[in-house]
Amino acid sequence: QVQLVESGGGLVQAGGSLSLSCIASDSISIYTMGWYRQAPGKQRELVAGITRGLTQTYDASVKGRFTISRDNVKKMVYLRMNNLKPDDTAVYYCNSAPPQDYWGQGTQVTVSS
């Protein structure tokens, strides 16, 4: 399985921005990749996906605010998050879509009101 390491989270005020990065241990070029998040007491959810052909999809809750991108040469997946809201507070993970069994440690995003 491909190992994944997420980074870039932090504490930000509502309306602020963060950029998340995910590096994979092996090639991701054939996979649809996604960013997921899990808030306390809630199930993990897919918030953004990007196909091998660079088609992007977004959950309605983040559409227009988040942008997913990828660099297959660098084995990286990115998530640019603008106009953050307190409801975006969660641990963010990247994985394939649908996800493999292995999950990285995630990166914490906390948005204060």
Protein backbone atom coordinates (compact mmCIF):
# COMPACT_ATOMS: atom_id res chain seq x y z
CA GLN A 1 0.00 0.00 0.00
CA VAL A 2 1.07 3.54 -0.64
CA GLN A 3 2.04 5.43 2.49
CA LEU A 4 0.82 9.00 2.79
CA VAL A 5 2.04 11.91 4.91
CA GLU A 6 -0.09 15.01 5.30
CA SER A 7 1.14 18.42 6.43
CA GLY A 8 0.20 22.07 6.48
CA GLY A 9 -2.56 22.19 9.06
CA GLY A 10 -2.76 24.72 11.83
CA LEU A 11 -4.87 27.23 13.69
CA VAL A 12 -6.48 29.99 11.66
CA GLN A 13 -9.22 32.54 12.17
CA ALA A 14 -12.47 32.30 10.27
CA GLY A 15 -12.03 33.76 6.80
CA GLY A 16 -8.39 32.76 6.67
CA SER A 17 -6.58 30.34 4.39
CA LEU A 18 -4.40 27.25 4.65
CA SER A 19 -2.65 25.03 2.17
CA LEU A 20 -2.34 21.32 2.86
CA SER A 21 0.13 18.96 1.26
CA CYS A 22 0.30 15.19 1.00
CA ILE A 23 3.29 13.21 -0.17
CA ALA A 24 3.03 9.60 -1.20
CA SER A 25 5.67 6.89 -0.87
CA ASP A 26 4.98 5.53 -4.34
CA SER A 27 3.45 6.57 -7.61
CA ILE A 28 -0.10 7.89 -7.44
CA SER A 29 -0.48 8.64 -11.12
CA ILE A 30 -3.06 5.96 -11.83
CA TYR A 31 -5.29 6.80 -8.89
CA THR A 32 -8.08 9.22 -8.29
CA MET A 33 -6.92 11.02 -5.15
CA GLY A 34 -8.96 12.75 -2.51
CA TRP A 35 -8.84 14.84 0.60
CA TYR A 36 -10.96 13.62 3.48
CA ARG A 37 -11.72 15.12 6.86
CA GLN A 38 -12.97 13.88 10.19
CA ALA A 39 -14.41 16.23 12.76
CA PRO A 40 -14.80 15.18 16.40
CA GLY A 41 -17.72 12.82 16.82
CA LYS A 42 -18.34 12.60 13.08
CA GLN A 43 -17.53 10.12 10.36
CA ARG A 44 -14.71 10.71 7.94
CA GLU A 45 -15.97 12.36 4.76
CA LEU A 46 -14.56 13.02 1.32
CA VAL A 47 -14.40 16.75 0.64
CA ALA A 48 -12.46 16.93 -2.63
CA GLY A 49 -11.28 14.55 -5.33
CA ILE A 50 -9.12 14.75 -8.42
CA THR A 51 -8.95 12.13 -11.15
CA ARG A 52 -5.87 11.09 -13.07
CA GLY A 53 -7.24 13.30 -15.84
CA LEU A 54 -7.37 16.26 -13.41
CA THR A 55 -11.16 16.42 -13.13
CA GLN A 56 -12.00 17.91 -9.74
CA THR A 57 -15.03 17.22 -7.59
CA TYR A 58 -16.05 18.87 -4.34
CA ASP A 59 -18.50 18.38 -1.54
CA ALA A 60 -21.11 21.11 -1.54
CA SER A 61 -19.85 22.36 1.82
CA VAL A 62 -16.45 23.36 0.39
CA LYS A 63 -17.20 24.07 -3.26
CA GLY A 64 -15.93 27.48 -4.28
CA ARG A 65 -13.62 27.70 -1.26
CA PHE A 66 -11.31 24.68 -1.59
CA THR A 67 -9.11 23.70 -4.55
CA ILE A 68 -7.49 20.30 -4.98
CA SER A 69 -4.48 19.76 -7.20
CA ARG A 70 -1.84 17.14 -7.80
CA ASP A 71 1.72 16.72 -9.06
CA ASN A 72 2.27 13.12 -10.13
CA VAL A 73 6.00 13.63 -10.72
CA LYS A 74 6.47 14.79 -7.13
CA LYS A 75 3.89 12.25 -5.86
CA MET A 76 2.05 15.10 -4.14
CA VAL A 77 -1.56 16.11 -3.62
CA TYR A 78 -2.52 19.58 -2.42
CA LEU A 79 -5.57 21.26 -0.93
CA ARG A 80 -5.86 25.01 -0.93
CA MET A 81 -8.51 26.17 1.54
CA ASN A 82 -9.84 29.72 1.44
CA ASN A 83 -12.50 31.51 3.47
CA LEU A 84 -12.27 28.90 6.19
CA LYS A 85 -15.18 28.45 8.57
CA PRO A 86 -15.33 26.98 12.08
CA ASP A 87 -17.21 23.98 10.60
CA ASP A 88 -14.06 23.17 8.60
CA THR A 89 -12.31 22.22 11.85
CA ALA A 90 -11.21 18.61 11.49
CA VAL A 91 -8.29 16.29 10.91
CA TYR A 92 -7.59 16.23 7.17
CA TYR A 93 -6.31 13.15 5.36
CA CYS A 94 -5.42 12.35 1.80
CA ASN A 95 -6.01 8.95 0.25
CA SER A 96 -7.10 7.42 -2.96
CA ALA A 97 -10.78 7.55 -3.86
CA PRO A 98 -12.14 5.11 -3.00
CA PRO A 99 -9.64 4.91 -0.15
CA GLN A 100 -7.07 2.21 0.48
CA ASP A 101 -7.04 0.65 3.94
CA TYR A 102 -3.91 2.55 4.98
CA TRP A 103 -4.41 6.07 6.34
CA GLY A 104 -1.73 8.55 7.26
CA GLN A 105 -1.70 10.46 10.52
CA GLY A 106 -3.57 13.40 9.04
CA THR A 107 -3.09 17.08 9.76
CA GLN A 108 -5.20 19.08 12.19
CA VAL A 109 -7.03 22.15 10.93
CA THR A 110 -8.64 24.35 13.54
CA VAL A 111 -10.69 27.38 12.57
CA SER A 112 -11.57 29.83 15.31
CA SER A 113 -14.60 32.08 15.13
